[in-house]
Amino acid sequence: MKRRVFTPWDALVVAGLLAVNLVAWAPGRPGRPTGYRITSQTGSRTVAADTGRIEVAGPLGTTVIEVGDRSARIVDSPCPLKLCVRTGALDRPGRVAACLPNRVALEALGPGGDVDAVGR
């Protein structure tokens, strides 16, 4: 008697796991950012998506931010390690890129953002 490797019961279990996975991930999926908050020493301001190129002054020099219709990113900064530039595009609400030496931060705003921590 030849034994099957993949039975109909196996297919049913795989289909059930896929269905549970889709249901678990679908509601929590955040959408695109509706705007971006730029914070520096001089204060905080909110800009709309697709604003273009923005230059923000800091204690070390000018940080250049590029805001598109789907994401925003820090393009250039005078900081030595360029970690803020290597953060990449912020394409989901709740994501943050910060140039700590130049004291400039960029945050993606919108519904369903990521939560890193909750404090009381």
Protein backbone atom coordinates (compact mmCIF):
# COMPACT_ATOMS: atom_id res chain seq x y z
CA MET A 1 0.00 0.00 0.00
CA LYS A 2 1.39 3.38 -1.05
CA ARG A 3 1.23 6.16 1.55
CA ARG A 4 0.36 9.69 0.45
CA VAL A 5 2.67 12.47 1.52
CA PHE A 6 0.03 15.22 1.40
CA THR A 7 -3.52 14.18 2.30
CA PRO A 8 -6.78 16.15 1.98
CA TRP A 9 -6.69 16.67 5.76
CA ASP A 10 -3.28 18.33 5.39
CA ALA A 11 -4.73 20.71 2.79
CA LEU A 12 -7.58 21.56 5.15
CA VAL A 13 -5.15 22.35 7.99
CA VAL A 14 -2.99 24.55 5.74
CA ALA A 15 -6.08 26.42 4.45
CA GLY A 16 -7.25 26.99 8.02
CA LEU A 17 -3.88 28.35 9.10
CA LEU A 18 -3.79 30.71 6.12
CA ALA A 19 -7.30 31.96 6.93
CA VAL A 20 -6.40 32.61 10.58
CA ASN A 21 -3.25 34.43 9.48
CA LEU A 22 -5.17 36.70 7.08
CA VAL A 23 -7.78 37.55 9.70
CA ALA A 24 -5.13 38.29 12.32
CA TRP A 25 -3.12 40.65 10.10
CA ALA A 26 -5.81 42.47 8.12
CA PRO A 27 -7.40 44.78 10.76
CA GLY A 28 -4.14 46.05 12.28
CA ARG A 29 -2.55 47.06 9.00
CA PRO A 30 -1.94 50.83 9.08
CA GLY A 31 -2.54 52.91 6.00
CA ARG A 32 -0.44 55.59 4.40
CA PRO A 33 0.64 58.60 6.44
CA THR A 34 -1.70 61.60 6.24
CA GLY A 35 1.02 64.06 7.20
CA TYR A 36 4.38 64.46 8.88
CA ARG A 37 5.55 66.25 12.03
CA ILE A 38 8.94 67.93 11.89
CA THR A 39 10.43 68.85 15.26
CA SER A 40 13.53 70.96 15.82
CA GLN A 41 14.93 73.41 18.37
CA THR A 42 12.71 76.17 17.03
CA GLY A 43 9.52 74.16 17.51
CA SER A 44 7.28 71.64 15.82
CA ARG A 45 5.26 71.88 12.62
CA THR A 46 3.05 69.54 10.65
CA VAL A 47 3.31 69.29 6.87
CA ALA A 48 1.04 67.51 4.41
CA ALA A 49 2.11 64.62 2.25
CA ASP A 50 3.68 65.60 -1.10
CA THR A 51 5.16 68.82 0.30
CA GLY A 52 8.52 68.37 -1.41
CA ARG A 53 11.95 69.35 -0.14
CA ILE A 54 12.23 70.99 3.30
CA GLU A 55 15.36 72.38 4.95
CA VAL A 56 15.44 72.46 8.75
CA ALA A 57 18.11 74.38 10.65
CA GLY A 58 19.81 72.76 13.64
CA PRO A 59 22.85 73.46 15.82
CA LEU A 60 25.21 71.56 13.46
CA GLY A 61 23.77 72.87 10.20
CA THR A 62 20.90 72.14 7.83
CA THR A 63 18.98 68.84 7.70
CA VAL A 64 17.25 68.18 4.37
CA ILE A 65 13.92 66.32 4.42
CA GLU A 66 12.09 65.10 1.33
CA VAL A 67 8.31 64.59 1.67
CA GLY A 68 6.56 62.66 -1.09
CA ASP A 69 2.98 61.49 -1.58
CA ARG A 70 3.60 58.01 -0.06
CA SER A 71 6.61 58.51 2.24
CA ALA A 72 9.13 60.96 3.68
CA ARG A 73 12.79 60.62 4.54
CA ILE A 74 15.80 62.55 5.75
CA VAL A 75 17.98 62.97 2.67
CA ASP A 76 21.00 64.76 4.14
CA SER A 77 22.19 65.91 7.54
CA PRO A 78 25.43 67.31 8.97
CA CYS A 79 25.66 64.66 11.70
CA PRO A 80 28.79 62.46 11.67
CA LEU A 81 27.23 58.94 11.51
CA LYS A 82 24.23 59.69 9.22
CA LEU A 83 21.99 57.21 11.07
CA CYS A 84 18.98 59.40 10.32
CA VAL A 85 19.66 59.16 6.58
CA ARG A 86 20.10 55.37 6.79
CA THR A 87 16.73 55.03 8.55
CA GLY A 88 15.11 55.17 5.11
CA ALA A 89 11.60 56.13 4.08
CA LEU A 90 8.81 56.55 6.63
CA ASP A 91 5.88 54.94 4.83
CA ARG A 92 3.64 53.96 7.79
CA PRO A 93 2.11 56.09 10.56
CA GLY A 94 4.05 56.03 13.81
CA ARG A 95 7.49 55.66 12.23
CA VAL A 96 10.18 58.15 13.29
CA ALA A 97 13.55 59.23 11.91
CA ALA A 98 15.65 61.46 14.15
CA CYS A 99 18.98 63.24 13.85
CA LEU A 100 19.88 63.52 17.51
CA PRO A 101 23.15 65.48 17.12
CA ASN A 102 21.34 68.10 15.01
CA ARG A 103 18.16 67.90 17.16
CA VAL A 104 15.75 67.28 14.25
CA ALA A 105 13.02 64.62 14.18
CA LEU A 106 10.59 63.49 11.48
CA GLU A 107 7.44 61.52 12.42
CA ALA A 108 4.81 59.99 10.13
CA LEU A 109 1.25 60.80 11.25
CA GLY A 110 -1.99 58.98 10.57
CA PRO A 111 -4.50 56.45 11.88
CA GLY A 112 -3.36 53.04 13.08
CA GLY A 113 0.25 53.96 13.78
CA ASP A 114 2.86 51.70 15.32
CA VAL A 115 3.20 51.73 19.10
CA ASP A 116 6.68 51.27 20.54
CA ALA A 117 5.86 51.66 24.23
CA VAL A 118 3.17 52.80 26.60
CA GLY A 119 4.03 54.78 29.73
CA ARG A 120 1.93 55.66 32.74
